[in-house]
Amino acid sequence: MPRFGQVIDAYLQELSGLATRKPFDLTFAGAGDQAAWDPAAGKAVRVKLISFESSADVQVGWRFGTTETVHVCRTTKGPYVANLVGCNVQGAADENLNIRAEGAVTVKGYVLGKEV
């Protein structure tokens, strides 16, 4: 069993680790999913922060793959930010991080995260 100090060190390393910035600019003609981050083979996406702006009053969210529950973010146009540092929210290996829109909209933003 790890000692308390080892657990704290690992946690602080995760919090302070470098993240990759993945910008996206997605245009939806109707309801659907589009990939914001497609990880390398055998890797999973771990999200640290997601930030975007939607151009229309359409429900927009994000999820891993196309069957996971959508994390609904916006129902009106405007900005959205979710800080997930320390939460270790991640999909399965080879699973895209998708933006889900329920209608016609343009969604621009970025994800901070890493492949694990």
Protein backbone atom coordinates (compact mmCIF):
# COMPACT_ATOMS: atom_id res chain seq x y z
CA MET A 1 0.00 0.00 0.00
CA PRO A 2 1.43 3.42 -0.95
CA ARG A 3 2.32 5.85 1.81
CA PHE A 4 0.34 9.08 2.14
CA GLY A 5 3.30 11.15 0.91
CA GLN A 6 3.55 9.04 -2.26
CA VAL A 7 -0.15 9.56 -2.97
CA ILE A 8 0.15 13.34 -2.50
CA ASP A 9 3.26 13.46 -4.72
CA ALA A 10 1.48 11.55 -7.49
CA TYR A 11 -1.57 13.83 -7.20
CA LEU A 12 0.52 17.01 -7.36
CA GLN A 13 2.43 15.66 -10.35
CA GLU A 14 -0.89 15.03 -12.14
CA LEU A 15 -2.15 18.53 -11.33
CA SER A 16 1.03 20.22 -12.51
CA GLY A 17 1.66 18.03 -15.56
CA LEU A 18 1.76 19.59 -18.99
CA ALA A 19 -1.39 19.44 -21.07
CA THR A 20 -1.80 19.46 -24.83
CA ARG A 21 -4.02 22.13 -26.37
CA LYS A 22 -6.33 20.74 -29.07
CA PRO A 23 -8.30 23.47 -30.87
CA PHE A 24 -11.46 22.62 -32.80
CA ASP A 25 -13.81 24.45 -35.15
CA LEU A 26 -16.84 22.28 -35.93
CA THR A 27 -19.87 23.12 -38.05
CA PHE A 28 -23.01 21.04 -37.61
CA ALA A 29 -25.77 21.02 -40.26
CA GLY A 30 -28.02 19.17 -37.81
CA ALA A 31 -27.90 16.91 -34.77
CA GLY A 32 -24.80 14.74 -34.44
CA ASP A 33 -21.35 14.10 -32.99
CA GLN A 34 -18.01 15.34 -34.31
CA ALA A 35 -14.55 14.54 -32.98
CA ALA A 36 -12.72 17.26 -31.07
CA TRP A 37 -9.86 14.88 -30.16
CA ASP A 38 -9.01 11.57 -31.81
CA PRO A 39 -6.32 9.89 -29.67
CA ALA A 40 -3.40 7.88 -31.00
CA ALA A 41 -3.90 4.12 -31.30
CA GLY A 42 -4.13 2.46 -27.89
CA LYS A 43 -4.39 5.78 -26.04
CA ALA A 44 -7.25 7.44 -24.13
CA VAL A 45 -8.00 11.16 -23.84
CA ARG A 46 -7.84 12.60 -20.30
CA VAL A 47 -9.59 15.99 -20.18
CA LYS A 48 -8.20 18.77 -17.98
CA LEU A 49 -10.27 21.66 -19.36
CA ILE A 50 -12.75 22.20 -22.16
CA SER A 51 -13.69 25.62 -23.46
CA PHE A 52 -15.91 26.53 -26.40
CA GLU A 53 -18.38 28.97 -27.82
CA SER A 54 -21.51 28.06 -29.73
CA SER A 55 -23.03 30.26 -32.43
CA ALA A 56 -26.73 29.42 -31.99
CA ASP A 57 -29.37 28.58 -29.40
CA VAL A 58 -28.82 24.83 -29.73
CA GLN A 59 -28.07 22.27 -27.04
CA VAL A 60 -24.35 21.48 -27.16
CA GLY A 61 -22.35 19.07 -25.02
CA TRP A 62 -19.45 16.64 -25.06
CA ARG A 63 -18.90 12.94 -24.51
CA PHE A 64 -16.52 10.11 -25.22
CA GLY A 65 -17.57 8.03 -28.22
CA THR A 66 -21.15 8.13 -29.43
CA THR A 67 -22.95 6.10 -26.79
CA GLU A 68 -21.84 7.70 -23.51
CA THR A 69 -24.19 10.15 -21.80
CA VAL A 70 -23.74 13.68 -23.12
CA HIS A 71 -22.42 16.27 -20.65
CA VAL A 72 -24.81 19.05 -21.67
CA CYS A 73 -23.11 22.43 -21.59
CA ARG A 74 -25.09 25.08 -23.47
CA THR A 75 -28.67 25.54 -24.64
CA THR A 76 -28.13 29.16 -25.74
CA LYS A 77 -25.35 30.63 -27.81
CA GLY A 78 -22.31 31.77 -25.93
CA PRO A 79 -19.23 30.55 -24.06
CA TYR A 80 -18.73 27.50 -21.86
CA VAL A 81 -15.74 26.42 -19.75
CA ALA A 82 -15.29 23.32 -17.59
CA ASN A 83 -12.16 23.02 -15.43
CA LEU A 84 -11.60 19.33 -14.74
CA VAL A 85 -8.03 19.48 -13.41
CA GLY A 86 -7.58 16.73 -10.86
CA CYS A 87 -10.77 14.91 -11.85
CA ASN A 88 -9.14 12.54 -14.35
CA VAL A 89 -12.16 12.45 -16.64
CA GLN A 90 -11.15 10.19 -19.50
CA GLY A 91 -12.56 7.94 -22.15
CA ALA A 92 -11.56 4.43 -23.06
CA ALA A 93 -8.56 3.64 -25.24
CA ASP A 94 -9.15 4.58 -28.90
CA GLU A 95 -12.32 6.53 -28.02
CA ASN A 96 -12.79 10.02 -29.48
CA LEU A 97 -13.74 13.01 -27.38
CA ASN A 98 -16.78 14.25 -29.29
CA ILE A 99 -18.75 17.44 -29.33
CA ARG A 100 -22.49 16.73 -29.58
CA ALA A 101 -24.95 19.25 -31.04
CA GLU A 102 -28.71 18.86 -31.26
CA GLY A 103 -29.08 21.13 -34.30
CA ALA A 104 -27.33 23.45 -36.74
CA VAL A 105 -24.53 25.34 -35.00
CA THR A 106 -20.83 26.19 -35.20
CA VAL A 107 -18.79 25.30 -32.13
CA LYS A 108 -15.25 26.70 -31.77
CA GLY A 109 -12.93 26.10 -28.86
CA TYR A 110 -10.23 23.92 -27.44
CA VAL A 111 -9.56 21.04 -25.07
CA LEU A 112 -6.62 20.89 -22.67
CA GLY A 113 -5.68 17.34 -21.85
CA LYS A 114 -3.34 14.49 -22.51
CA GLU A 115 -3.28 11.04 -23.98
CA VAL A 116 -2.74 8.26 -21.46
